[in-house]
Amino acid sequence: MSDCVFCRIVAGQVPATIVREWDDAIAIRPRSGGCTDGHVFVLPRVHVEDAGTDIEVTKAVMGRAAELMAELPAANLITSKGTEATQSVFHLHVHIVPRLDGDDLPLPWTPQHEARTAAKEAGA
């Protein structure tokens, strides 16, 4: 798809920092630098809108992500489906977010997030 930035990255039409390549997927660094050191996206070489669109492609991408996660002591594996779930690029991609104790990255279901939210409300 010519309007999909991830398809254009896979085709070599848009520059990206490629971390690892396989025949069915690639791992790239986010242009923003990511939310932690070592944050990468794993995406399929074929255009699939999200994790629910093509189960076989999703399985392959998750398997590639697992290969990278095996090299890390701690990490989050995150993907989104739909705008309501914060998907902003409609090409399946999985975030691997390496974690360190005390990295202060609050995910919405963690005590760190609750503490940060409470602190903001108290100061408001």
PDB file of N, CA and C in Angstrom:
ATOM      1  N   MET A   1       0.846  -1.183   0.000  1.00  0.00           N
ATOM      2  CA  MET A   1       0.000   0.000   0.000  1.00  0.00           C
ATOM      3  C   MET A   1       0.887   1.240   0.000  1.00  0.00           C
ATOM      4  N   SER A   2       0.749   2.052  -0.987  1.00  0.00           N
ATOM      5  CA  SER A   2       1.646   3.188  -1.160  1.00  0.00           C
ATOM      6  C   SER A   2       1.468   4.259  -0.091  1.00  0.00           C
ATOM      7  N   ASP A   3       0.317   4.327   0.569  1.00  0.00           N
ATOM      8  CA  ASP A   3       0.114   5.348   1.599  1.00  0.00           C
ATOM      9  C   ASP A   3       0.465   4.858   3.001  1.00  0.00           C
ATOM     10  N   CYS A   4       0.923   3.635   3.134  1.00  0.00           N
ATOM     11  CA  CYS A   4       1.276   3.059   4.437  1.00  0.00           C
ATOM     12  C   CYS A   4       2.776   3.238   4.671  1.00  0.00           C
ATOM     13  N   VAL A   5       3.132   3.975   5.719  1.00  0.00           N
ATOM     14  CA  VAL A   5       4.547   4.245   5.983  1.00  0.00           C
ATOM     15  C   VAL A   5       5.319   2.957   6.266  1.00  0.00           C
ATOM     16  N   PHE A   6       4.703   1.988   6.952  1.00  0.00           N
ATOM     17  CA  PHE A   6       5.422   0.749   7.234  1.00  0.00           C
ATOM     18  C   PHE A   6       5.626  -0.068   5.963  1.00  0.00           C
ATOM     19  N   CYS A   7       4.667  -0.064   5.052  1.00  0.00           N
ATOM     20  CA  CYS A   7       4.867  -0.747   3.765  1.00  0.00           C
ATOM     21  C   CYS A   7       6.004  -0.089   2.994  1.00  0.00           C
ATOM     22  N   ARG A   8       6.078   1.235   3.072  1.00  0.00           N
ATOM     23  CA  ARG A   8       7.139   1.957   2.371  1.00  0.00           C
ATOM     24  C   ARG A   8       8.499   1.685   3.017  1.00  0.00           C
ATOM     25  N   ILE A   9       8.535   1.524   4.329  1.00  0.00           N
ATOM     26  CA  ILE A   9       9.788   1.154   5.007  1.00  0.00           C
ATOM     27  C   ILE A   9      10.218  -0.230   4.556  1.00  0.00           C
ATOM     28  N   VAL A  10       9.294  -1.187   4.559  1.00  0.00           N
ATOM     29  CA  VAL A  10       9.600  -2.559   4.134  1.00  0.00           C
ATOM     30  C   VAL A  10      10.119  -2.572   2.694  1.00  0.00           C
ATOM     31  N   ALA A  11       9.551  -1.724   1.841  1.00  0.00           N
ATOM     32  CA  ALA A  11       9.959  -1.656   0.434  1.00  0.00           C
ATOM     33  C   ALA A  11      11.267  -0.881   0.232  1.00  0.00           C
ATOM     34  N   GLY A  12      11.801  -0.289   1.294  1.00  0.00           N
ATOM     35  CA  GLY A  12      13.040   0.475   1.175  1.00  0.00           C
ATOM     36  C   GLY A  12      12.841   1.869   0.629  1.00  0.00           C
ATOM     37  N   GLN A  13      11.591   2.351   0.604  1.00  0.00           N
ATOM     38  CA  GLN A  13      11.287   3.675   0.064  1.00  0.00           C
ATOM     39  C   GLN A  13      11.370   4.782   1.111  1.00  0.00           C
ATOM     40  N   VAL A  14      11.349   4.398   2.374  1.00  0.00           N
ATOM     41  CA  VAL A  14      11.447   5.347   3.489  1.00  0.00           C
ATOM     42  C   VAL A  14      12.557   4.832   4.396  1.00  0.00           C
ATOM     43  N   PRO A  15      13.469   5.710   4.806  1.00  0.00           N
ATOM     44  CA  PRO A  15      14.563   5.239   5.666  1.00  0.00           C
ATOM     45  C   PRO A  15      14.069   4.821   7.047  1.00  0.00           C
ATOM     46  N   ALA A  16      14.740   3.845   7.600  1.00  0.00           N
ATOM     47  CA  ALA A  16      14.452   3.379   8.952  1.00  0.00           C
ATOM     48  C   ALA A  16      15.706   2.725   9.504  1.00  0.00           C
ATOM     49  N   THR A  17      15.814   2.709  10.814  1.00  0.00           N
ATOM     50  CA  THR A  17      16.907   1.999  11.466  1.00  0.00           C
ATOM     51  C   THR A  17      16.434   0.579  11.690  1.00  0.00           C
ATOM     52  N   ILE A  18      16.952  -0.332  10.878  1.00  0.00           N
ATOM     53  CA  ILE A  18      16.548  -1.735  10.953  1.00  0.00           C
ATOM     54  C   ILE A  18      17.432  -2.443  11.961  1.00  0.00           C
ATOM     55  N   VAL A  19      16.786  -3.097  12.909  1.00  0.00           N
ATOM     56  CA  VAL A  19      17.480  -3.805  13.982  1.00  0.00           C
ATOM     57  C   VAL A  19      17.699  -5.263  13.604  1.00  0.00           C
ATOM     58  N   ARG A  20      16.705  -5.875  12.979  1.00  0.00           N
ATOM     59  CA  ARG A  20      16.798  -7.275  12.561  1.00  0.00           C
ATOM     60  C   ARG A  20      15.854  -7.476  11.392  1.00  0.00           C
ATOM     61  N   GLU A  21      16.240  -8.396  10.503  1.00  0.00           N
ATOM     62  CA  GLU A  21      15.404  -8.731   9.352  1.00  0.00           C
ATOM     63  C   GLU A  21      15.212 -10.234   9.273  1.00  0.00           C
ATOM     64  N   TRP A  22      14.016 -10.626   8.888  1.00  0.00           N
ATOM     65  CA  TRP A  22      13.678 -12.016   8.598  1.00  0.00           C
ATOM     66  C   TRP A  22      12.974 -12.025   7.256  1.00  0.00           C
ATOM     67  N   ASP A  23      12.678 -13.197   6.731  1.00  0.00           N
ATOM     68  CA  ASP A  23      11.987 -13.259   5.450  1.00  0.00           C
ATOM     69  C   ASP A  23      10.551 -12.763   5.550  1.00  0.00           C
ATOM     70  N   ASP A  24       9.944 -12.822   6.739  1.00  0.00           N
ATOM     71  CA  ASP A  24       8.540 -12.455   6.898  1.00  0.00           C
ATOM     72  C   ASP A  24       8.302 -11.192   7.721  1.00  0.00           C
ATOM     73  N   ALA A  25       9.352 -10.621   8.311  1.00  0.00           N
ATOM     74  CA  ALA A  25       9.183  -9.470   9.200  1.00  0.00           C
ATOM     75  C   ALA A  25      10.485  -8.687   9.314  1.00  0.00           C
ATOM     76  N   ILE A  26      10.358  -7.469   9.844  1.00  0.00           N
ATOM     77  CA  ILE A  26      11.539  -6.674  10.186  1.00  0.00           C
ATOM     78  C   ILE A  26      11.308  -6.036  11.550  1.00  0.00           C
ATOM     79  N   ALA A  27      12.391  -5.708  12.221  1.00  0.00           N
ATOM     80  CA  ALA A  27      12.344  -4.968  13.483  1.00  0.00           C
ATOM     81  C   ALA A  27      13.051  -3.643  13.245  1.00  0.00           C
ATOM     82  N   ILE A  28      12.383  -2.553  13.609  1.00  0.00           N
ATOM     83  CA  ILE A  28      12.930  -1.212  13.410  1.00  0.00           C
ATOM     84  C   ILE A  28      12.843  -0.406  14.691  1.00  0.00           C
ATOM     85  N   ARG A  29      13.677   0.619  14.777  1.00  0.00           N
ATOM     86  CA  ARG A  29      13.609   1.559  15.890  1.00  0.00           C
ATOM     87  C   ARG A  29      12.543   2.610  15.573  1.00  0.00           C
ATOM     88  N   PRO A  30      11.788   3.046  16.568  1.00  0.00           N
ATOM     89  CA  PRO A  30      10.853   4.156  16.344  1.00  0.00           C
ATOM     90  C   PRO A  30      11.629   5.428  15.995  1.00  0.00           C
ATOM     91  N   ARG A  31      11.101   6.202  15.082  1.00  0.00           N
ATOM     92  CA  ARG A  31      11.759   7.461  14.706  1.00  0.00           C
ATOM     93  C   ARG A  31      11.903   8.391  15.895  1.00  0.00           C
ATOM     94  N   SER A  32      10.952   8.325  16.820  1.00  0.00           N
ATOM     95  CA  SER A  32      10.975   9.198  18.001  1.00  0.00           C
ATOM     96  C   SER A  32      12.045   8.788  19.004  1.00  0.00           C
ATOM     97  N   GLY A  33      12.630   7.616  18.806  1.00  0.00           N
ATOM     98  CA  GLY A  33      13.589   7.088  19.766  1.00  0.00           C
ATOM     99  C   GLY A  33      12.955   6.097  20.721  1.00  0.00           C
ATOM    100  N   GLY A  34      11.633   6.097  20.778  1.00  0.00           N
ATOM    101  CA  GLY A  34      10.932   5.152  21.636  1.00  0.00           C
ATOM    102  C   GLY A  34      10.773   5.658  23.049  1.00  0.00           C
ATOM    103  N   CYS A  35      10.109   4.880  23.864  1.00  0.00           N
ATOM    104  CA  CYS A  35       9.838   5.302  25.237  1.00  0.00           C
ATOM    105  C   CYS A  35      10.865   4.775  26.224  1.00  0.00           C
ATOM    106  N   THR A  36      11.687   3.802  25.808  1.00  0.00           N
ATOM    107  CA  THR A  36      12.822   3.348  26.613  1.00  0.00           C
ATOM    108  C   THR A  36      13.950   3.014  25.645  1.00  0.00           C
ATOM    109  N   ASP A  37      15.158   2.930  26.171  1.00  0.00           N
ATOM    110  CA  ASP A  37      16.301   2.559  25.347  1.00  0.00           C
ATOM    111  C   ASP A  37      16.100   1.139  24.829  1.00  0.00           C
ATOM    112  N   GLY A  38      16.239   0.944  23.533  1.00  0.00           N
ATOM    113  CA  GLY A  38      16.076  -0.375  22.948  1.00  0.00           C
ATOM    114  C   GLY A  38      14.678  -0.675  22.429  1.00  0.00           C
ATOM    115  N   HIS A  39      13.742   0.266  22.561  1.00  0.00           N
ATOM    116  CA  HIS A  39      12.372   0.098  22.061  1.00  0.00           C
ATOM    117  C   HIS A  39      12.415  -0.173  20.556  1.00  0.00           C
ATOM    118  N   VAL A  40      11.736  -1.218  20.123  1.00  0.00           N
ATOM    119  CA  VAL A  40      11.649  -1.539  18.695  1.00  0.00           C
ATOM    120  C   VAL A  40      10.221  -1.903  18.332  1.00  0.00           C
ATOM    121  N   PHE A  41       9.933  -1.797  17.020  1.00  0.00           N
ATOM    122  CA  PHE A  41       8.692  -2.294  16.437  1.00  0.00           C
ATOM    123  C   PHE A  41       9.049  -3.530  15.634  1.00  0.00           C
ATOM    124  N   VAL A  42       8.215  -4.557  15.697  1.00  0.00           N
ATOM    125  CA  VAL A  42       8.322  -5.696  14.789  1.00  0.00           C
ATOM    126  C   VAL A  42       7.093  -5.633  13.896  1.00  0.00           C
ATOM    127  N   LEU A  43       7.314  -5.651  12.585  1.00  0.00           N
ATOM    128  CA  LEU A  43       6.198  -5.556  11.652  1.00  0.00           C
ATOM    129  C   LEU A  43       6.351  -6.555  10.521  1.00  0.00           C
ATOM    130  N   PRO A  44       5.236  -7.030  10.005  1.00  0.00           N
ATOM    131  CA  PRO A  44       5.311  -7.983   8.902  1.00  0.00           C
ATOM    132  C   PRO A  44       5.702  -7.281   7.604  1.00  0.00           C
ATOM    133  N   ARG A  45       6.269  -8.035   6.701  1.00  0.00           N
ATOM    134  CA  ARG A  45       6.627  -7.497   5.387  1.00  0.00           C
ATOM    135  C   ARG A  45       5.403  -7.307   4.502  1.00  0.00           C
ATOM    136  N   VAL A  46       4.305  -7.973   4.841  1.00  0.00           N
ATOM    137  CA  VAL A  46       3.058  -7.805   4.082  1.00  0.00           C
ATOM    138  C   VAL A  46       2.144  -6.863   4.839  1.00  0.00           C
ATOM    139  N   HIS A  47       1.283  -6.175   4.116  1.00  0.00           N
ATOM    140  CA  HIS A  47       0.362  -5.252   4.778  1.00  0.00           C
ATOM    141  C   HIS A  47      -0.787  -6.026   5.415  1.00  0.00           C
ATOM    142  N   VAL A  48      -0.869  -5.912   6.719  1.00  0.00           N
ATOM    143  CA  VAL A  48      -1.960  -6.455   7.521  1.00  0.00           C
ATOM    144  C   VAL A  48      -2.349  -5.330   8.463  1.00  0.00           C
ATOM    145  N   GLU A  49      -3.619  -4.992   8.501  1.00  0.00           N
ATOM    146  CA  GLU A  49      -4.045  -3.804   9.240  1.00  0.00           C
ATOM    147  C   GLU A  49      -3.787  -3.881  10.739  1.00  0.00           C
ATOM    148  N   ASP A  50      -4.058  -5.034  11.348  1.00  0.00           N
ATOM    149  CA  ASP A  50      -3.896  -5.150  12.794  1.00  0.00           C
ATOM    150  C   ASP A  50      -3.809  -6.619  13.179  1.00  0.00           C
ATOM    151  N   ALA A  51      -3.647  -6.878  14.471  1.00  0.00           N
ATOM    152  CA  ALA A  51      -3.432  -8.239  14.964  1.00  0.00           C
ATOM    153  C   ALA A  51      -4.627  -9.159  14.756  1.00  0.00           C
ATOM    154  N   GLY A  52      -5.800  -8.616  14.483  1.00  0.00           N
ATOM    155  CA  GLY A  52      -6.976  -9.442  14.261  1.00  0.00           C
ATOM    156  C   GLY A  52      -7.307  -9.689  12.806  1.00  0.00           C
ATOM    157  N   THR A  53      -6.531  -9.119  11.896  1.00  0.00           N
ATOM    158  CA  THR A  53      -6.854  -9.215  10.473  1.00  0.00           C
ATOM    159  C   THR A  53      -6.409 -10.528   9.848  1.00  0.00           C
ATOM    160  N   ASP A  54      -5.203 -10.965  10.118  1.00  0.00           N
ATOM    161  CA  ASP A  54      -4.665 -12.201   9.546  1.00  0.00           C
ATOM    162  C   ASP A  54      -3.912 -12.932  10.658  1.00  0.00           C
ATOM    163  N   ILE A  55      -4.542 -13.944  11.199  1.00  0.00           N
ATOM    164  CA  ILE A  55      -4.006 -14.636  12.369  1.00  0.00           C
ATOM    165  C   ILE A  55      -2.641 -15.258  12.084  1.00  0.00           C
ATOM    166  N   GLU A  56      -2.431 -15.817  10.907  1.00  0.00           N
ATOM    167  CA  GLU A  56      -1.142 -16.446  10.590  1.00  0.00           C
ATOM    168  C   GLU A  56      -0.016 -15.419  10.558  1.00  0.00           C
ATOM    169  N   VAL A  57      -0.273 -14.269   9.970  1.00  0.00           N
ATOM    170  CA  VAL A  57       0.742 -13.209   9.946  1.00  0.00           C
ATOM    171  C   VAL A  57       1.001 -12.720  11.372  1.00  0.00           C
ATOM    172  N   THR A  58      -0.047 -12.568  12.155  1.00  0.00           N
ATOM    173  CA  THR A  58       0.115 -12.137  13.541  1.00  0.00           C
ATOM    174  C   THR A  58       0.947 -13.141  14.327  1.00  0.00           C
ATOM    175  N   LYS A  59       0.700 -14.433  14.134  1.00  0.00           N
ATOM    176  CA  LYS A  59       1.504 -15.461  14.811  1.00  0.00           C
ATOM    177  C   LYS A  59       2.975 -15.330  14.442  1.00  0.00           C
ATOM    178  N   ALA A  60       3.246 -15.107  13.170  1.00  0.00           N
ATOM    179  CA  ALA A  60       4.639 -14.982  12.719  1.00  0.00           C
ATOM    180  C   ALA A  60       5.309 -13.760  13.350  1.00  0.00           C
ATOM    181  N   VAL A  61       4.608 -12.640  13.381  1.00  0.00           N
ATOM    182  CA  VAL A  61       5.172 -11.417  13.966  1.00  0.00           C
ATOM    183  C   VAL A  61       5.406 -11.605  15.466  1.00  0.00           C
ATOM    184  N   MET A  62       4.458 -12.227  16.139  1.00  0.00           N
ATOM    185  CA  MET A  62       4.633 -12.480  17.579  1.00  0.00           C
ATOM    186  C   MET A  62       5.815 -13.416  17.832  1.00  0.00           C
ATOM    187  N   GLY A  63       6.007 -14.393  16.952  1.00  0.00           N
ATOM    188  CA  GLY A  63       7.153 -15.292  17.078  1.00  0.00           C
ATOM    189  C   GLY A  63       8.467 -14.543  16.915  1.00  0.00           C
ATOM    190  N   ARG A  64       8.511 -13.631  15.958  1.00  0.00           N
ATOM    191  CA  ARG A  64       9.731 -12.825  15.761  1.00  0.00           C
ATOM    192  C   ARG A  64       9.966 -11.920  16.966  1.00  0.00           C
ATOM    193  N   ALA A  65       8.894 -11.350  17.491  1.00  0.00           N
ATOM    194  CA  ALA A  65       9.027 -10.514  18.681  1.00  0.00           C
ATOM    195  C   ALA A  65       9.550 -11.341  19.858  1.00  0.00           C
ATOM    196  N   ALA A  66       9.080 -12.579  19.982  1.00  0.00           N
ATOM    197  CA  ALA A  66       9.544 -13.453  21.063  1.00  0.00           C
ATOM    198  C   ALA A  66      11.036 -13.731  20.937  1.00  0.00           C
ATOM    199  N   GLU A  67      11.540 -13.860  19.707  1.00  0.00           N
ATOM    200  CA  GLU A  67      12.978 -14.061  19.500  1.00  0.00           C
ATOM    201  C   GLU A  67      13.770 -12.891  20.077  1.00  0.00           C
ATOM    202  N   LEU A  68      13.300 -11.674  19.822  1.00  0.00           N
ATOM    203  CA  LEU A  68      13.992 -10.494  20.341  1.00  0.00           C
ATOM    204  C   LEU A  68      13.833 -10.374  21.850  1.00  0.00           C
ATOM    205  N   MET A  69      12.653 -10.680  22.352  1.00  0.00           N
ATOM    206  CA  MET A  69      12.413 -10.578  23.794  1.00  0.00           C
ATOM    207  C   MET A  69      13.244 -11.580  24.583  1.00  0.00           C
ATOM    208  N   ALA A  70      13.570 -12.714  23.965  1.00  0.00           N
ATOM    209  CA  ALA A  70      14.385 -13.726  24.644  1.00  0.00           C
ATOM    210  C   ALA A  70      15.762 -13.175  25.005  1.00  0.00           C
ATOM    211  N   GLU A  71      16.183 -12.135  24.330  1.00  0.00           N
ATOM    212  CA  GLU A  71      17.486 -11.516  24.578  1.00  0.00           C
ATOM    213  C   GLU A  71      17.445 -10.471  25.690  1.00  0.00           C
ATOM    214  N   LEU A  72      16.263 -10.182  26.203  1.00  0.00           N
ATOM    215  CA  LEU A  72      16.097  -9.118  27.190  1.00  0.00           C
ATOM    216  C   LEU A  72      15.721  -9.692  28.554  1.00  0.00           C
ATOM    217  N   PRO A  73      16.213  -9.088  29.630  1.00  0.00           N
ATOM    218  CA  PRO A  73      15.826  -9.575  30.960  1.00  0.00           C
ATOM    219  C   PRO A  73      14.393  -9.203  31.330  1.00  0.00           C
ATOM    220  N   ALA A  74      13.885  -8.061  30.825  1.00  0.00           N
ATOM    221  CA  ALA A  74      12.521  -7.621  31.126  1.00  0.00           C
ATOM    222  C   ALA A  74      12.033  -6.725  29.987  1.00  0.00           C
ATOM    223  N   ALA A  75      10.776  -6.905  29.584  1.00  0.00           N
ATOM    224  CA  ALA A  75      10.224  -6.095  28.494  1.00  0.00           C
ATOM    225  C   ALA A  75       8.714  -6.224  28.474  1.00  0.00           C
ATOM    226  N   ASN A  76       8.076  -5.209  27.868  1.00  0.00           N
ATOM    227  CA  ASN A  76       6.650  -5.275  27.561  1.00  0.00           C
ATOM    228  C   ASN A  76       6.503  -5.569  26.084  1.00  0.00           C
ATOM    229  N   LEU A  77       5.481  -6.335  25.750  1.00  0.00           N
ATOM    230  CA  LEU A  77       5.105  -6.623  24.363  1.00  0.00           C
ATOM    231  C   LEU A  77       3.723  -6.024  24.182  1.00  0.00           C
ATOM    232  N   ILE A  78       3.604  -5.038  23.289  1.00  0.00           N
ATOM    233  CA  ILE A  78       2.357  -4.287  23.170  1.00  0.00           C
ATOM    234  C   ILE A  78       1.965  -4.144  21.702  1.00  0.00           C
ATOM    235  N   THR A  79       0.688  -4.360  21.415  1.00  0.00           N
ATOM    236  CA  THR A  79       0.137  -4.030  20.118  1.00  0.00           C
ATOM    237  C   THR A  79      -1.262  -3.470  20.340  1.00  0.00           C
ATOM    238  N   SER A  80      -1.770  -2.763  19.364  1.00  0.00           N
ATOM    239  CA  SER A  80      -3.095  -2.158  19.475  1.00  0.00           C
ATOM    240  C   SER A  80      -3.914  -2.497  18.239  1.00  0.00           C
ATOM    241  N   LYS A  81      -5.233  -2.541  18.423  1.00  0.00           N
ATOM    242  CA  LYS A  81      -6.159  -2.774  17.313  1.00  0.00           C
ATOM    243  C   LYS A  81      -7.245  -1.707  17.392  1.00  0.00           C
ATOM    244  N   GLY A  82      -7.214  -0.791  16.454  1.00  0.00           N
ATOM    245  CA  GLY A  82      -8.234   0.246  16.395  1.00  0.00           C
ATOM    246  C   GLY A  82      -7.825   1.540  17.057  1.00  0.00           C
ATOM    247  N   THR A  83      -8.418   2.604  16.561  1.00  0.00           N
ATOM    248  CA  THR A  83      -8.150   3.942  17.076  1.00  0.00           C
ATOM    249  C   THR A  83      -8.440   4.031  18.566  1.00  0.00           C
ATOM    250  N   GLU A  84      -9.521   3.405  19.004  1.00  0.00           N
ATOM    251  CA  GLU A  84      -9.900   3.463  20.416  1.00  0.00           C
ATOM    252  C   GLU A  84      -8.851   2.812  21.311  1.00  0.00           C
ATOM    253  N   ALA A  85      -8.067   1.923  20.749  1.00  0.00           N
ATOM    254  CA  ALA A  85      -6.998   1.244  21.504  1.00  0.00           C
ATOM    255  C   ALA A  85      -5.638   1.878  21.243  1.00  0.00           C
ATOM    256  N   THR A  86      -5.627   3.073  20.725  1.00  0.00           N
ATOM    257  CA  THR A  86      -4.445   3.902  20.447  1.00  0.00           C
ATOM    258  C   THR A  86      -3.643   3.468  19.230  1.00  0.00           C
ATOM    259  N   GLN A  87      -4.226   2.672  18.323  1.00  0.00           N
ATOM    260  CA  GLN A  87      -3.502   2.351  17.087  1.00  0.00           C
ATOM    261  C   GLN A  87      -3.475   3.600  16.221  1.00  0.00           C
ATOM    262  N   SER A  88      -2.292   4.007  15.790  1.00  0.00           N
ATOM    263  CA  SER A  88      -2.163   5.202  14.959  1.00  0.00           C
ATOM    264  C   SER A  88      -1.621   4.895  13.569  1.00  0.00           C
ATOM    265  N   VAL A  89      -0.938   3.772  13.401  1.00  0.00           N
ATOM    266  CA  VAL A  89      -0.490   3.321  12.078  1.00  0.00           C
ATOM    267  C   VAL A  89      -1.193   2.000  11.829  1.00  0.00           C
ATOM    268  N   PHE A  90      -1.981   1.946  10.767  1.00  0.00           N
ATOM    269  CA  PHE A  90      -2.820   0.779  10.517  1.00  0.00           C
ATOM    270  C   PHE A  90      -2.106  -0.250   9.644  1.00  0.00           C
ATOM    271  N   HIS A  91      -0.976  -0.689  10.175  1.00  0.00           N
ATOM    272  CA  HIS A  91      -0.177  -1.794   9.661  1.00  0.00           C
ATOM    273  C   HIS A  91       0.268  -2.500  10.939  1.00  0.00           C
ATOM    274  N   LEU A  92      -0.049  -3.778  11.064  1.00  0.00           N
ATOM    275  CA  LEU A  92       0.290  -4.520  12.264  1.00  0.00           C
ATOM    276  C   LEU A  92       1.724  -4.226  12.689  1.00  0.00           C
ATOM    277  N   HIS A  93       1.899  -3.875  13.938  1.00  0.00           N
ATOM    278  CA  HIS A  93       3.229  -3.723  14.510  1.00  0.00           C
ATOM    279  C   HIS A  93       3.144  -3.999  15.999  1.00  0.00           C
ATOM    280  N   VAL A  94       4.201  -4.590  16.497  1.00  0.00           N
ATOM    281  CA  VAL A  94       4.295  -4.965  17.901  1.00  0.00           C
ATOM    282  C   VAL A  94       5.447  -4.164  18.504  1.00  0.00           C
ATOM    283  N   HIS A  95       5.172  -3.525  19.620  1.00  0.00           N
ATOM    284  CA  HIS A  95       6.209  -2.789  20.338  1.00  0.00           C
ATOM    285  C   HIS A  95       6.889  -3.734  21.318  1.00  0.00           C
ATOM    286  N   ILE A  96       8.203  -3.751  21.289  1.00  0.00           N
ATOM    287  CA  ILE A  96       8.977  -4.401  22.340  1.00  0.00           C
ATOM    288  C   ILE A  96       9.619  -3.264  23.122  1.00  0.00           C
ATOM    289  N   VAL A  97       9.224  -3.158  24.384  1.00  0.00           N
ATOM    290  CA  VAL A  97       9.683  -2.065  25.230  1.00  0.00           C
ATOM    291  C   VAL A  97      10.524  -2.645  26.365  1.00  0.00           C
ATOM    292  N   PRO A  98      11.855  -2.570  26.233  1.00  0.00           N
ATOM    293  CA  PRO A  98      12.713  -3.050  27.321  1.00  0.00           C
ATOM    294  C   PRO A  98      12.444  -2.265  28.597  1.00  0.00           C
ATOM    295  N   ARG A  99      12.497  -2.949  29.727  1.00  0.00           N
ATOM    296  CA  ARG A  99      12.204  -2.315  31.007  1.00  0.00           C
ATOM    297  C   ARG A  99      13.357  -2.489  31.974  1.00  0.00           C
ATOM    298  N   LEU A 100      13.535  -1.486  32.830  1.00  0.00           N
ATOM    299  CA  LEU A 100      14.505  -1.516  33.918  1.00  0.00           C
ATOM    300  C   LEU A 100      13.782  -1.143  35.201  1.00  0.00           C
ATOM    301  N   ASP A 101      14.223  -1.684  36.306  1.00  0.00           N
ATOM    302  CA  ASP A 101      13.664  -1.316  37.591  1.00  0.00           C
ATOM    303  C   ASP A 101      13.843   0.184  37.777  1.00  0.00           C
ATOM    304  N   GLY A 102      12.770   0.868  38.115  1.00  0.00           N
ATOM    305  CA  GLY A 102      12.835   2.303  38.342  1.00  0.00           C
ATOM    306  C   GLY A 102      12.844   3.150  37.080  1.00  0.00           C
ATOM    307  N   ASP A 103      12.474   2.579  35.920  1.00  0.00           N
ATOM    308  CA  ASP A 103      12.499   3.369  34.677  1.00  0.00           C
ATOM    309  C   ASP A 103      11.375   4.401  34.606  1.00  0.00           C
ATOM    310  N   ASP A 104      10.457   4.374  35.550  1.00  0.00           N
ATOM    311  CA  ASP A 104       9.396   5.377  35.656  1.00  0.00           C
ATOM    312  C   ASP A 104       8.499   5.444  34.423  1.00  0.00           C
ATOM    313  N   LEU A 105       8.321   4.316  33.755  1.00  0.00           N
ATOM    314  CA  LEU A 105       7.400   4.269  32.623  1.00  0.00           C
ATOM    315  C   LEU A 105       6.091   3.665  33.122  1.00  0.00           C
ATOM    316  N   PRO A 106       5.102   4.498  33.403  1.00  0.00           N
ATOM    317  CA  PRO A 106       3.860   3.973  33.956  1.00  0.00           C
ATOM    318  C   PRO A 106       2.923   3.486  32.857  1.00  0.00           C
ATOM    319  N   LEU A 107       2.601   2.235  32.865  1.00  0.00           N
ATOM    320  CA  LEU A 107       1.578   1.708  31.966  1.00  0.00           C
ATOM    321  C   LEU A 107       0.236   1.819  32.690  1.00  0.00           C
ATOM    322  N   PRO A 108      -0.856   1.948  31.959  1.00  0.00           N
ATOM    323  CA  PRO A 108      -2.148   2.289  32.580  1.00  0.00           C
ATOM    324  C   PRO A 108      -2.633   1.327  33.663  1.00  0.00           C
ATOM    325  N   TRP A 109      -2.145   0.128  33.684  1.00  0.00           N
ATOM    326  CA  TRP A 109      -2.638  -0.856  34.653  1.00  0.00           C
ATOM    327  C   TRP A 109      -1.668  -1.066  35.817  1.00  0.00           C
ATOM    328  N   THR A 110      -0.711  -0.166  35.991  1.00  0.00           N
ATOM    329  CA  THR A 110       0.321  -0.359  37.010  1.00  0.00           C
ATOM    330  C   THR A 110       0.166   0.620  38.177  1.00  0.00           C
ATOM    331  N   PRO A 111       0.730   0.268  39.320  1.00  0.00           N
ATOM    332  CA  PRO A 111       0.717   1.206  40.459  1.00  0.00           C
ATOM    333  C   PRO A 111       1.423   2.528  40.138  1.00  0.00           C
ATOM    334  N   GLN A 112       2.457   2.505  39.288  1.00  0.00           N
ATOM    335  CA  GLN A 112       3.154   3.748  38.928  1.00  0.00           C
ATOM    336  C   GLN A 112       2.187   4.731  38.268  1.00  0.00           C
ATOM    337  N   HIS A 113       1.313   4.207  37.397  1.00  0.00           N
ATOM    338  CA  HIS A 113       0.341   5.067  36.714  1.00  0.00           C
ATOM    339  C   HIS A 113      -0.647   5.644  37.724  1.00  0.00           C
ATOM    340  N   GLU A 114      -1.124   4.789  38.624  1.00  0.00           N
ATOM    341  CA  GLU A 114      -2.068   5.247  39.643  1.00  0.00           C
ATOM    342  C   GLU A 114      -1.438   6.336  40.507  1.00  0.00           C
ATOM    343  N   ALA A 115      -0.176   6.160  40.891  1.00  0.00           N
ATOM    344  CA  ALA A 115       0.517   7.145  41.719  1.00  0.00           C
ATOM    345  C   ALA A 115       0.691   8.453  40.959  1.00  0.00           C
ATOM    346  N   ARG A 116       1.056   8.374  39.693  1.00  0.00           N
ATOM    347  CA  ARG A 116       1.245   9.577  38.881  1.00  0.00           C
ATOM    348  C   ARG A 116      -0.084  10.319  38.710  1.00  0.00           C
ATOM    349  N   THR A 117      -1.148   9.581  38.458  1.00  0.00           N
ATOM    350  CA  THR A 117      -2.470  10.177  38.298  1.00  0.00           C
ATOM    351  C   THR A 117      -2.918  10.854  39.586  1.00  0.00           C
ATOM    352  N   ALA A 118      -2.734  10.183  40.716  1.00  0.00           N
ATOM    353  CA  ALA A 118      -3.105  10.761  42.015  1.00  0.00           C
ATOM    354  C   ALA A 118      -2.314  12.029  42.304  1.00  0.00           C
ATOM    355  N   ALA A 119      -1.036  12.035  41.973  1.00  0.00           N
ATOM    356  CA  ALA A 119      -0.192  13.212  42.197  1.00  0.00           C
ATOM    357  C   ALA A 119      -0.662  14.388  41.339  1.00  0.00           C
ATOM    358  N   LYS A 120      -1.038  14.109  40.091  1.00  0.00           N
ATOM    359  CA  LYS A 120      -1.535  15.174  39.209  1.00  0.00           C
ATOM    360  C   LYS A 120      -2.838  15.747  39.736  1.00  0.00           C
ATOM    361  N   GLU A 121      -3.733  14.858  40.193  1.00  0.00           N
ATOM    362  CA  GLU A 121      -5.026  15.307  40.707  1.00  0.00           C
ATOM    363  C   GLU A 121      -4.844  16.126  41.984  1.00  0.00           C
ATOM    364  N   ALA A 122      -3.903  15.750  42.813  1.00  0.00           N
ATOM    365  CA  ALA A 122      -3.653  16.481  44.059  1.00  0.00           C
ATOM    366  C   ALA A 122      -3.090  17.874  43.786  1.00  0.00           C
ATOM    367  N   GLY A 123      -2.329  17.995  42.725  1.00  0.00           N
ATOM    368  CA  GLY A 123      -1.731  19.290  42.368  1.00  0.00           C
ATOM    369  C   GLY A 123      -2.626  20.152  41.522  1.00  0.00           C
ATOM    370  N   ALA A 124      -3.751  19.631  41.062  1.00  0.00           N
ATOM    371  CA  ALA A 124      -4.624  20.379  40.150  1.00  0.00           C
ATOM    372  C   ALA A 124      -5.478  21.395  40.833  1.00  0.00           C
TER     373      ALA A 124
END
